[in-house]
Amino acid sequence: QAASAAHLLRRNLLIYGVGGLVVPFIGIKLIDMLLTALHL
C-alpha cells in the first residue's frame, strides 16, 4: 500500500506477527478436536 515504511512495518507486524501467534492456537485446537473425533 501507498504508506510510509513505519506504517507498513506496523501493518505487517499486526497482520503477520499477531496473526502468526493467534492462528496456530485456533488451528491446532481444531485439528486436535478432529483427530479425537475420528479416533485417529
Full PDB file with SEQRES, HELIX, SHEET, SSBOND, CRYST1, ORIGX, SCALE, CONECT and MASTER records, all heavy atoms in Angstrom:
SEQRES   1 A   40  GLN ALA ALA SER ALA ALA HIS LEU LEU ARG ARG ASN LEU          
SEQRES   2 A   40  LEU ILE TYR GLY VAL GLY GLY LEU VAL VAL PRO PHE ILE          
SEQRES   3 A   40  GLY ILE LYS LEU ILE ASP MET LEU LEU THR ALA LEU HIS          
SEQRES   4 A   40  LEU                                                          
HELIX    1 AA1 ALA A    5  ASN A   12  1                                   8    
HELIX    2 AA2 LEU A   13  VAL A   18  3                                   6    
HELIX    3 AA3 GLY A   19  ALA A   37  1                                  19    
CRYST1    1.000    1.000    1.000  90.00  90.00  90.00 P 1           1          
ORIGX1      1.000000  0.000000  0.000000        0.00000                         
ORIGX2      0.000000  1.000000  0.000000        0.00000                         
ORIGX3      0.000000  0.000000  1.000000        0.00000                         
SCALE1      1.000000  0.000000  0.000000        0.00000                         
SCALE2      0.000000  1.000000  0.000000        0.00000                         
SCALE3      0.000000  0.000000  1.000000        0.00000                         
ATOM      1  N   GLN A   1       0.833  -1.199   0.000  1.00  0.00           N  
ATOM      2  CA  GLN A   1       0.000   0.000   0.000  1.00  0.00           C  
ATOM      3  C   GLN A   1       0.869   1.251   0.000  1.00  0.00           C  
ATOM      4  O   GLN A   1       2.026   1.219   0.431  1.00  0.00           O  
ATOM      5  CB  GLN A   1      -0.918   0.004   1.227  1.00  0.00           C  
ATOM      6  CG  GLN A   1      -1.911  -1.156   1.261  1.00  0.00           C  
ATOM      7  CD  GLN A   1      -2.766  -1.118   2.509  1.00  0.00           C  
ATOM      8  OE1 GLN A   1      -2.401  -0.521   3.519  1.00  0.00           O  
ATOM      9  NE2 GLN A   1      -3.918  -1.761   2.442  1.00  0.00           N  
ATOM     10  N   ALA A   2       0.290   2.337  -0.503  1.00  0.00           N  
ATOM     11  CA  ALA A   2       0.995   3.622  -0.508  1.00  0.00           C  
ATOM     12  C   ALA A   2       1.018   4.174   0.913  1.00  0.00           C  
ATOM     13  O   ALA A   2       0.057   4.779   1.376  1.00  0.00           O  
ATOM     14  CB  ALA A   2       0.315   4.596  -1.463  1.00  0.00           C  
ATOM     15  N   ALA A   3       2.096   3.901   1.624  1.00  0.00           N  
ATOM     16  CA  ALA A   3       2.233   4.353   3.008  1.00  0.00           C  
ATOM     17  C   ALA A   3       3.711   4.395   3.358  1.00  0.00           C  
ATOM     18  O   ALA A   3       4.557   3.894   2.619  1.00  0.00           O  
ATOM     19  CB  ALA A   3       1.472   3.421   3.955  1.00  0.00           C  
ATOM     20  N   SER A   4       4.011   4.980   4.494  1.00  0.00           N  
ATOM     21  CA  SER A   4       5.401   5.082   4.931  1.00  0.00           C  
ATOM     22  C   SER A   4       5.912   3.716   5.363  1.00  0.00           C  
ATOM     23  O   SER A   4       5.148   2.788   5.627  1.00  0.00           O  
ATOM     24  CB  SER A   4       5.505   6.064   6.096  1.00  0.00           C  
ATOM     25  OG  SER A   4       4.803   5.550   7.221  1.00  0.00           O  
ATOM     26  N   ALA A   5       7.233   3.615   5.452  1.00  0.00           N  
ATOM     27  CA  ALA A   5       7.841   2.353   5.862  1.00  0.00           C  
ATOM     28  C   ALA A   5       7.400   1.974   7.272  1.00  0.00           C  
ATOM     29  O   ALA A   5       7.159   0.796   7.561  1.00  0.00           O  
ATOM     30  CB  ALA A   5       9.363   2.471   5.780  1.00  0.00           C  
ATOM     31  N   ALA A   6       7.280   2.967   8.156  1.00  0.00           N  
ATOM     32  CA  ALA A   6       6.858   2.685   9.532  1.00  0.00           C  
ATOM     33  C   ALA A   6       5.436   2.125   9.554  1.00  0.00           C  
ATOM     34  O   ALA A   6       5.131   1.186  10.305  1.00  0.00           O  
ATOM     35  CB  ALA A   6       6.939   3.957  10.368  1.00  0.00           C  
ATOM     36  N   HIS A   7       4.556   2.701   8.730  1.00  0.00           N  
ATOM     37  CA  HIS A   7       3.175   2.215   8.675  1.00  0.00           C  
ATOM     38  C   HIS A   7       3.124   0.797   8.120  1.00  0.00           C  
ATOM     39  O   HIS A   7       2.378  -0.055   8.624  1.00  0.00           O  
ATOM     40  CB  HIS A   7       2.328   3.150   7.808  1.00  0.00           C  
ATOM     41  CG  HIS A   7       0.890   2.719   7.680  1.00  0.00           C  
ATOM     42  ND1 HIS A   7       0.449   1.867   6.682  1.00  0.00           N  
ATOM     43  CD2 HIS A   7      -0.205   3.020   8.428  1.00  0.00           C  
ATOM     44  CE1 HIS A   7      -0.836   1.652   6.816  1.00  0.00           C  
ATOM     45  NE2 HIS A   7      -1.267   2.341   7.867  1.00  0.00           N  
ATOM     46  N   LEU A   8       3.910   0.517   7.078  1.00  0.00           N  
ATOM     47  CA  LEU A   8       3.939  -0.832   6.505  1.00  0.00           C  
ATOM     48  C   LEU A   8       4.454  -1.838   7.526  1.00  0.00           C  
ATOM     49  O   LEU A   8       3.945  -2.965   7.614  1.00  0.00           O  
ATOM     50  CB  LEU A   8       4.822  -0.852   5.252  1.00  0.00           C  
ATOM     51  CG  LEU A   8       4.275  -0.135   4.017  1.00  0.00           C  
ATOM     52  CD1 LEU A   8       5.314  -0.145   2.905  1.00  0.00           C  
ATOM     53  CD2 LEU A   8       2.986  -0.782   3.528  1.00  0.00           C  
ATOM     54  N   LEU A   9       5.466  -1.435   8.294  1.00  0.00           N  
ATOM     55  CA  LEU A   9       6.014  -2.331   9.312  1.00  0.00           C  
ATOM     56  C   LEU A   9       4.963  -2.636  10.372  1.00  0.00           C  
ATOM     57  O   LEU A   9       4.781  -3.804  10.758  1.00  0.00           O  
ATOM     58  CB  LEU A   9       7.250  -1.698   9.949  1.00  0.00           C  
ATOM     59  CG  LEU A   9       7.910  -2.515  11.064  1.00  0.00           C  
ATOM     60  CD1 LEU A   9       8.393  -3.859  10.533  1.00  0.00           C  
ATOM     61  CD2 LEU A   9       9.062  -1.729  11.682  1.00  0.00           C  
ATOM     62  N   ARG A  10       4.265  -1.599  10.857  1.00  0.00           N  
ATOM     63  CA  ARG A  10       3.224  -1.815  11.877  1.00  0.00           C  
ATOM     64  C   ARG A  10       2.120  -2.712  11.334  1.00  0.00           C  
ATOM     65  O   ARG A  10       1.625  -3.617  12.029  1.00  0.00           O  
ATOM     66  CB  ARG A  10       2.637  -0.474  12.325  1.00  0.00           C  
ATOM     67  CG  ARG A  10       3.557   0.355  13.202  1.00  0.00           C  
ATOM     68  CD  ARG A  10       2.788   1.476  13.878  1.00  0.00           C  
ATOM     69  NE  ARG A  10       2.177   2.365  12.908  1.00  0.00           N  
ATOM     70  CZ  ARG A  10       2.764   3.450  12.399  1.00  0.00           C  
ATOM     71  NH1 ARG A  10       3.998   3.753  12.778  1.00  0.00           N  
ATOM     72  NH2 ARG A  10       2.136   4.216  11.527  1.00  0.00           N  
ATOM     73  N   ARG A  11       1.733  -2.470  10.084  1.00  0.00           N  
ATOM     74  CA  ARG A  11       0.654  -3.258   9.480  1.00  0.00           C  
ATOM     75  C   ARG A  11       1.055  -4.723   9.366  1.00  0.00           C  
ATOM     76  O   ARG A  11       0.276  -5.626   9.701  1.00  0.00           O  
ATOM     77  CB  ARG A  11       0.321  -2.686   8.098  1.00  0.00           C  
ATOM     78  CG  ARG A  11      -0.724  -3.478   7.320  1.00  0.00           C  
ATOM     79  CD  ARG A  11      -1.006  -2.803   5.981  1.00  0.00           C  
ATOM     80  NE  ARG A  11      -1.950  -3.583   5.186  1.00  0.00           N  
ATOM     81  CZ  ARG A  11      -1.598  -4.570   4.374  1.00  0.00           C  
ATOM     82  NH1 ARG A  11      -0.324  -4.909   4.253  1.00  0.00           N  
ATOM     83  NH2 ARG A  11      -2.506  -5.231   3.688  1.00  0.00           N  
ATOM     84  N   ASN A  12       2.266  -4.985   8.873  1.00  0.00           N  
ATOM     85  CA  ASN A  12       2.695  -6.371   8.698  1.00  0.00           C  
ATOM     86  C   ASN A  12       2.908  -7.079  10.034  1.00  0.00           C  
ATOM     87  O   ASN A  12       2.630  -8.269  10.156  1.00  0.00           O  
ATOM     88  CB  ASN A  12       3.971  -6.429   7.861  1.00  0.00           C  
ATOM     89  CG  ASN A  12       3.686  -6.228   6.378  1.00  0.00           C  
ATOM     90  OD1 ASN A  12       2.556  -6.369   5.939  1.00  0.00           O  
ATOM     91  ND2 ASN A  12       4.714  -5.886   5.619  1.00  0.00           N  
ATOM     92  N   LEU A  13       3.391  -6.347  11.052  1.00  0.00           N  
ATOM     93  CA  LEU A  13       3.537  -6.950  12.374  1.00  0.00           C  
ATOM     94  C   LEU A  13       2.181  -7.296  12.963  1.00  0.00           C  
ATOM     95  O   LEU A  13       2.017  -8.340  13.619  1.00  0.00           O  
ATOM     96  CB  LEU A  13       4.289  -5.999  13.310  1.00  0.00           C  
ATOM     97  CG  LEU A  13       5.800  -5.866  13.073  1.00  0.00           C  
ATOM     98  CD1 LEU A  13       6.399  -4.833  14.017  1.00  0.00           C  
ATOM     99  CD2 LEU A  13       6.492  -7.210  13.262  1.00  0.00           C  
ATOM    100  N   LEU A  14       1.200  -6.443  12.701  1.00  0.00           N  
ATOM    101  CA  LEU A  14      -0.143  -6.702  13.223  1.00  0.00           C  
ATOM    102  C   LEU A  14      -0.781  -7.895  12.529  1.00  0.00           C  
ATOM    103  O   LEU A  14      -1.346  -8.785  13.167  1.00  0.00           O  
ATOM    104  CB  LEU A  14      -1.018  -5.454  13.042  1.00  0.00           C  
ATOM    105  CG  LEU A  14      -2.476  -5.579  13.520  1.00  0.00           C  
ATOM    106  CD1 LEU A  14      -2.516  -5.816  15.030  1.00  0.00           C  
ATOM    107  CD2 LEU A  14      -3.266  -4.320  13.164  1.00  0.00           C  
ATOM    108  N   ILE A  15      -0.663  -7.924  11.188  1.00  0.00           N  
ATOM    109  CA  ILE A  15      -1.328  -8.986  10.435  1.00  0.00           C  
ATOM    110  C   ILE A  15      -0.564 -10.302  10.522  1.00  0.00           C  
ATOM    111  O   ILE A  15      -1.134 -11.353  10.863  1.00  0.00           O  
ATOM    112  CB  ILE A  15      -1.498  -8.571   8.960  1.00  0.00           C  
ATOM    113  CG1 ILE A  15      -2.432  -7.356   8.851  1.00  0.00           C  
ATOM    114  CG2 ILE A  15      -2.049  -9.736   8.130  1.00  0.00           C  
ATOM    115  CD1 ILE A  15      -2.563  -6.817   7.444  1.00  0.00           C  
ATOM    116  N   TYR A  16       0.739 -10.259  10.225  1.00  0.00           N  
ATOM    117  CA  TYR A  16       1.504 -11.498  10.129  1.00  0.00           C  
ATOM    118  C   TYR A  16       2.214 -11.866  11.435  1.00  0.00           C  
ATOM    119  O   TYR A  16       2.523 -13.035  11.651  1.00  0.00           O  
ATOM    120  CB  TYR A  16       2.514 -11.398   8.985  1.00  0.00           C  
ATOM    121  CG  TYR A  16       1.838 -11.166   7.662  1.00  0.00           C  
ATOM    122  CD1 TYR A  16       1.772  -9.898   7.096  1.00  0.00           C  
ATOM    123  CD2 TYR A  16       1.229 -12.217   6.985  1.00  0.00           C  
ATOM    124  CE1 TYR A  16       1.134  -9.693   5.885  1.00  0.00           C  
ATOM    125  CE2 TYR A  16       0.582 -12.018   5.783  1.00  0.00           C  
ATOM    126  CZ  TYR A  16       0.538 -10.737   5.236  1.00  0.00           C  
ATOM    127  OH  TYR A  16      -0.104 -10.543   4.048  1.00  0.00           O  
ATOM    128  N   GLY A  17       2.471 -10.871  12.292  1.00  0.00           N  
ATOM    129  CA  GLY A  17       3.062 -11.172  13.587  1.00  0.00           C  
ATOM    130  C   GLY A  17       2.011 -11.657  14.568  1.00  0.00           C  
ATOM    131  O   GLY A  17       2.074 -12.785  15.074  1.00  0.00           O  
ATOM    132  N   VAL A  18       1.011 -10.799  14.826  1.00  0.00           N  
ATOM    133  CA  VAL A  18      -0.073 -11.190  15.729  1.00  0.00           C  
ATOM    134  C   VAL A  18      -0.856 -12.358  15.138  1.00  0.00           C  
ATOM    135  O   VAL A  18      -1.230 -13.307  15.843  1.00  0.00           O  
ATOM    136  CB  VAL A  18      -1.001  -9.990  16.004  1.00  0.00           C  
ATOM    137  CG1 VAL A  18      -2.178 -10.416  16.870  1.00  0.00           C  
ATOM    138  CG2 VAL A  18      -0.229  -8.868  16.672  1.00  0.00           C  
ATOM    139  N   GLY A  19      -1.078 -12.302  13.797  1.00  0.00           N  
ATOM    140  CA  GLY A  19      -1.778 -13.413  13.143  1.00  0.00           C  
ATOM    141  C   GLY A  19      -1.018 -14.712  13.282  1.00  0.00           C  
ATOM    142  O   GLY A  19      -1.604 -15.782  13.486  1.00  0.00           O  
ATOM    143  N   GLY A  20       0.322 -14.631  13.189  1.00  0.00           N  
ATOM    144  CA  GLY A  20       1.139 -15.828  13.346  1.00  0.00           C  
ATOM    145  C   GLY A  20       1.080 -16.393  14.748  1.00  0.00           C  
ATOM    146  O   GLY A  20       1.318 -17.589  14.956  1.00  0.00           O  
ATOM    147  N   LEU A  21       0.762 -15.552  15.735  1.00  0.00           N  
ATOM    148  CA  LEU A  21       0.609 -16.026  17.106  1.00  0.00           C  
ATOM    149  C   LEU A  21      -0.760 -16.663  17.344  1.00  0.00           C  
ATOM    150  O   LEU A  21      -0.877 -17.689  18.020  1.00  0.00           O  
ATOM    151  CB  LEU A  21       0.801 -14.862  18.088  1.00  0.00           C  
ATOM    152  CG  LEU A  21       2.218 -14.312  18.258  1.00  0.00           C  
ATOM    153  CD1 LEU A  21       2.192 -13.044  19.093  1.00  0.00           C  
ATOM    154  CD2 LEU A  21       3.121 -15.353  18.899  1.00  0.00           C  
ATOM    155  N   VAL A  22      -1.789 -16.042  16.788  1.00  0.00           N  
ATOM    156  CA  VAL A  22      -3.161 -16.457  17.086  1.00  0.00           C  
ATOM    157  C   VAL A  22      -3.605 -17.660  16.259  1.00  0.00           C  
ATOM    158  O   VAL A  22      -4.202 -18.614  16.789  1.00  0.00           O  
ATOM    159  CB  VAL A  22      -4.126 -15.270  16.857  1.00  0.00           C  
ATOM    160  CG1 VAL A  22      -5.576 -15.722  17.027  1.00  0.00           C  
ATOM    161  CG2 VAL A  22      -3.794 -14.140  17.812  1.00  0.00           C  
ATOM    162  N   VAL A  23      -3.318 -17.634  14.936  1.00  0.00           N  
ATOM    163  CA  VAL A  23      -3.825 -18.672  14.037  1.00  0.00           C  
ATOM    164  C   VAL A  23      -3.440 -20.083  14.477  1.00  0.00           C  
ATOM    165  O   VAL A  23      -4.284 -20.992  14.458  1.00  0.00           O  
ATOM    166  CB  VAL A  23      -3.370 -18.396  12.584  1.00  0.00           C  
ATOM    167  CG1 VAL A  23      -3.674 -19.592  11.680  1.00  0.00           C  
ATOM    168  CG2 VAL A  23      -4.062 -17.151  12.050  1.00  0.00           C  
ATOM    169  N   PRO A  24      -2.180 -20.348  14.886  1.00  0.00           N  
ATOM    170  CA  PRO A  24      -1.838 -21.724  15.281  1.00  0.00           C  
ATOM    171  C   PRO A  24      -2.636 -22.230  16.484  1.00  0.00           C  
ATOM    172  O   PRO A  24      -2.963 -23.420  16.549  1.00  0.00           O  
ATOM    173  CB  PRO A  24      -0.345 -21.632  15.608  1.00  0.00           C  
ATOM    174  CG  PRO A  24       0.141 -20.454  14.840  1.00  0.00           C  
ATOM    175  CD  PRO A  24      -0.991 -19.497  14.862  1.00  0.00           C  
ATOM    176  N   PHE A  25      -2.933 -21.349  17.450  1.00  0.00           N  
ATOM    177  CA  PHE A  25      -3.736 -21.786  18.598  1.00  0.00           C  
ATOM    178  C   PHE A  25      -5.096 -22.304  18.122  1.00  0.00           C  
ATOM    179  O   PHE A  25      -5.568 -23.355  18.566  1.00  0.00           O  
ATOM    180  CB  PHE A  25      -3.931 -20.626  19.577  1.00  0.00           C  
ATOM    181  CG  PHE A  25      -2.743 -20.376  20.462  1.00  0.00           C  
ATOM    182  CD1 PHE A  25      -1.783 -19.446  20.112  1.00  0.00           C  
ATOM    183  CD2 PHE A  25      -2.581 -21.088  21.645  1.00  0.00           C  
ATOM    184  CE1 PHE A  25      -0.681 -19.224  20.923  1.00  0.00           C  
ATOM    185  CE2 PHE A  25      -1.480 -20.864  22.464  1.00  0.00           C  
ATOM    186  CZ  PHE A  25      -0.522 -19.930  22.105  1.00  0.00           C  
ATOM    187  N   ILE A  26      -5.703 -21.547  17.212  1.00  0.00           N  
ATOM    188  CA  ILE A  26      -7.021 -21.956  16.703  1.00  0.00           C  
ATOM    189  C   ILE A  26      -6.888 -23.208  15.847  1.00  0.00           C  
ATOM    190  O   ILE A  26      -7.655 -24.169  15.995  1.00  0.00           O  
ATOM    191  CB  ILE A  26      -7.647 -20.804  15.896  1.00  0.00           C  
ATOM    192  CG1 ILE A  26      -7.838 -19.566  16.782  1.00  0.00           C  
ATOM    193  CG2 ILE A  26      -8.976 -21.237  15.274  1.00  0.00           C  
ATOM    194  CD1 ILE A  26      -8.266 -18.330  16.025  1.00  0.00           C  
ATOM    195  N   GLY A  27      -5.891 -23.209  14.938  1.00  0.00           N  
ATOM    196  CA  GLY A  27      -5.739 -24.329  14.011  1.00  0.00           C  
ATOM    197  C   GLY A  27      -5.398 -25.627  14.716  1.00  0.00           C  
ATOM    198  O   GLY A  27      -5.989 -26.687  14.425  1.00  0.00           O  
ATOM    199  N   ILE A  28      -4.463 -25.589  15.668  1.00  0.00           N  
ATOM    200  CA  ILE A  28      -4.062 -26.810  16.369  1.00  0.00           C  
ATOM    201  C   ILE A  28      -5.217 -27.360  17.202  1.00  0.00           C  
ATOM    202  O   ILE A  28      -5.437 -28.583  17.248  1.00  0.00           O  
ATOM    203  CB  ILE A  28      -2.826 -26.534  17.246  1.00  0.00           C  
ATOM    204  CG1 ILE A  28      -1.606 -26.283  16.350  1.00  0.00           C  
ATOM    205  CG2 ILE A  28      -2.550 -27.696  18.201  1.00  0.00           C  
ATOM    206  CD1 ILE A  28      -0.356 -25.853  17.105  1.00  0.00           C  
ATOM    207  N   LYS A  29      -5.972 -26.464  17.827  1.00  0.00           N  
ATOM    208  CA  LYS A  29      -7.121 -26.923  18.624  1.00  0.00           C  
ATOM    209  C   LYS A  29      -8.170 -27.583  17.738  1.00  0.00           C  
ATOM    210  O   LYS A  29      -8.709 -28.655  18.093  1.00  0.00           O  
ATOM    211  CB  LYS A  29      -7.732 -25.731  19.374  1.00  0.00           C  
ATOM    212  CG  LYS A  29      -8.960 -26.099  20.201  1.00  0.00           C  
ATOM    213  CD  LYS A  29      -8.642 -27.144  21.262  1.00  0.00           C  
ATOM    214  CE  LYS A  29      -9.864 -27.478  22.105  1.00  0.00           C  
ATOM    215  NZ  LYS A  29      -9.578 -28.557  23.098  1.00  0.00           N  
ATOM    216  N   LEU A  30      -8.472 -26.998  16.587  1.00  0.00           N  
ATOM    217  CA  LEU A  30      -9.471 -27.595  15.688  1.00  0.00           C  
ATOM    218  C   LEU A  30      -8.993 -28.953  15.167  1.00  0.00           C  
ATOM    219  O   LEU A  30      -9.782 -29.905  15.072  1.00  0.00           O  
ATOM    220  CB  LEU A  30      -9.748 -26.646  14.517  1.00  0.00           C  
ATOM    221  CG  LEU A  30     -10.488 -25.349  14.859  1.00  0.00           C  
ATOM    222  CD1 LEU A  30     -10.597 -24.463  13.626  1.00  0.00           C  
ATOM    223  CD2 LEU A  30     -11.879 -25.647  15.422  1.00  0.00           C  
ATOM    224  N   ILE A  31      -7.710 -29.047  14.816  1.00  0.00           N  
ATOM    225  CA  ILE A  31      -7.172 -30.325  14.326  1.00  0.00           C  
ATOM    226  C   ILE A  31      -7.215 -31.373  15.439  1.00  0.00           C  
ATOM    227  O   ILE A  31      -7.554 -32.546  15.199  1.00  0.00           O  
ATOM    228  CB  ILE A  31      -5.733 -30.136  13.806  1.00  0.00           C  
ATOM    229  CG1 ILE A  31      -5.741 -29.243  12.555  1.00  0.00           C  
ATOM    230  CG2 ILE A  31      -5.095 -31.489  13.462  1.00  0.00           C  
ATOM    231  CD1 ILE A  31      -4.364 -28.827  12.088  1.00  0.00           C  
ATOM    232  N   ASP A  32      -6.901 -30.953  16.664  1.00  0.00           N  
ATOM    233  CA  ASP A  32      -6.969 -31.874  17.802  1.00  0.00           C  
ATOM    234  C   ASP A  32      -8.387 -32.420  17.986  1.00  0.00           C  
ATOM    235  O   ASP A  32      -8.586 -33.628  18.206  1.00  0.00           O  
ATOM    236  CB  ASP A  32      -6.515 -31.145  19.066  1.00  0.00           C  
ATOM    237  CG  ASP A  32      -6.718 -31.976  20.320  1.00  0.00           C  
ATOM    238  OD1 ASP A  32      -5.944 -32.922  20.535  1.00  0.00           O  
ATOM    239  OD2 ASP A  32      -7.670 -31.678  21.079  1.00  0.00           O  
ATOM    240  N   MET A  33      -9.371 -31.558  17.895  1.00  0.00           N  
ATOM    241  CA  MET A  33     -10.768 -31.994  18.039  1.00  0.00           C  
ATOM    242  C   MET A  33     -11.146 -32.967  16.926  1.00  0.00           C  
ATOM    243  O   MET A  33     -11.837 -33.964  17.161  1.00  0.00           O  
ATOM    244  CB  MET A  33     -11.688 -30.772  18.027  1.00  0.00           C  
ATOM    245  CG  MET A  33     -11.494 -29.840  19.224  1.00  0.00           C  
ATOM    246  SD  MET A  33     -12.362 -28.260  19.040  1.00  0.00           S  
ATOM    247  CE  MET A  33     -14.066 -28.833  18.947  1.00  0.00           C  
ATOM    248  N   LEU A  34     -10.657 -32.687  15.701  1.00  0.00           N  
ATOM    249  CA  LEU A  34     -10.982 -33.554  14.565  1.00  0.00           C  
ATOM    250  C   LEU A  34     -10.314 -34.922  14.712  1.00  0.00           C  
ATOM    251  O   LEU A  34     -10.944 -35.969  14.479  1.00  0.00           O  
ATOM    252  CB  LEU A  34     -10.538 -32.888  13.265  1.00  0.00           C  
ATOM    253  CG  LEU A  34     -10.842 -33.645  11.969  1.00  0.00           C  
ATOM    254  CD1 LEU A  34     -12.345 -33.830  11.789  1.00  0.00           C  
ATOM    255  CD2 LEU A  34     -10.258 -32.912  10.767  1.00  0.00           C  
ATOM    256  N   LEU A  35      -9.053 -34.943  15.097  1.00  0.00           N  
ATOM    257  CA  LEU A  35      -8.342 -36.213  15.273  1.00  0.00           C  
ATOM    258  C   LEU A  35      -8.993 -37.058  16.363  1.00  0.00           C  
ATOM    259  O   LEU A  35      -9.102 -38.295  16.235  1.00  0.00           O  
ATOM    260  CB  LEU A  35      -6.876 -35.945  15.625  1.00  0.00           C  
ATOM    261  CG  LEU A  35      -6.002 -35.308  14.544  1.00  0.00           C  
ATOM    262  CD1 LEU A  35      -4.606 -35.006  15.085  1.00  0.00           C  
ATOM    263  CD2 LEU A  35      -5.898 -36.210  13.327  1.00  0.00           C  
ATOM    264  N   THR A  36      -9.402 -36.387  17.437  1.00  0.00           N  
ATOM    265  CA  THR A  36     -10.057 -37.110  18.534  1.00  0.00           C  
ATOM    266  C   THR A  36     -11.409 -37.664  18.087  1.00  0.00           C  
ATOM    267  O   THR A  36     -11.759 -38.809  18.395  1.00  0.00           O  
ATOM    268  CB  THR A  36     -10.231 -36.183  19.741  1.00  0.00           C  
ATOM    269  OG1 THR A  36      -8.952 -35.649  20.123  1.00  0.00           O  
ATOM    270  CG2 THR A  36     -10.830 -36.929  20.922  1.00  0.00           C  
ATOM    271  N   ALA A  37     -12.169 -36.826  17.347  1.00  0.00           N  
ATOM    272  CA  ALA A  37     -13.490 -37.276  16.887  1.00  0.00           C  
ATOM    273  C   ALA A  37     -13.388 -38.448  15.926  1.00  0.00           C  
ATOM    274  O   ALA A  37     -14.259 -39.337  15.909  1.00  0.00           O  
ATOM    275  CB  ALA A  37     -14.221 -36.112  16.227  1.00  0.00           C  
ATOM    276  N   LEU A  38     -12.313 -38.465  15.124  1.00  0.00           N  
ATOM    277  CA  LEU A  38     -12.135 -39.553  14.153  1.00  0.00           C  
ATOM    278  C   LEU A  38     -11.379 -40.745  14.754  1.00  0.00           C  
ATOM    279  O   LEU A  38     -11.107 -41.724  14.038  1.00  0.00           O  
ATOM    280  CB  LEU A  38     -11.363 -39.028  12.931  1.00  0.00           C  
ATOM    281  CG  LEU A  38     -12.079 -37.958  12.091  1.00  0.00           C  
ATOM    282  CD1 LEU A  38     -11.165 -37.451  10.985  1.00  0.00           C  
ATOM    283  CD2 LEU A  38     -13.377 -38.503  11.509  1.00  0.00           C  
ATOM    284  N   HIS A  39     -11.027 -40.639  16.042  1.00  0.00           N  
ATOM    285  CA  HIS A  39     -10.330 -41.717  16.750  1.00  0.00           C  
ATOM    286  C   HIS A  39      -9.012 -42.092  16.062  1.00  0.00           C  
ATOM    287  O   HIS A  39      -8.653 -43.267  15.970  1.00  0.00           O  
ATOM    288  CB  HIS A  39     -11.231 -42.954  16.876  1.00  0.00           C  
ATOM    289  CG  HIS A  39     -12.535 -42.680  17.547  1.00  0.00           C  
ATOM    290  ND1 HIS A  39     -12.638 -42.405  18.901  1.00  0.00           N  
ATOM    291  CD2 HIS A  39     -13.796 -42.610  17.044  1.00  0.00           C  
ATOM    292  CE1 HIS A  39     -13.909 -42.186  19.212  1.00  0.00           C  
ATOM    293  NE2 HIS A  39     -14.636 -42.305  18.108  1.00  0.00           N  
ATOM    294  N   LEU A  40      -8.299 -41.060  15.572  1.00  0.00           N  
ATOM    295  CA  LEU A  40      -7.011 -41.302  14.927  1.00  0.00           C  
ATOM    296  C   LEU A  40      -5.876 -41.322  15.936  1.00  0.00           C  
ATOM    297  O   LEU A  40      -4.742 -41.642  15.576  1.00  0.00           O  
ATOM    298  CB  LEU A  40      -6.745 -40.234  13.857  1.00  0.00           C  
ATOM    299  CG  LEU A  40      -7.705 -40.265  12.655  1.00  0.00           C  
ATOM    300  CD1 LEU A  40      -7.425 -39.095  11.720  1.00  0.00           C  
ATOM    301  CD2 LEU A  40      -7.566 -41.587  11.905  1.00  0.00           C  
TER     302      LEU A  40                                                      
MASTER        0    0    0    3    0    0    0    6  301    1    0    4          
END                                                                             
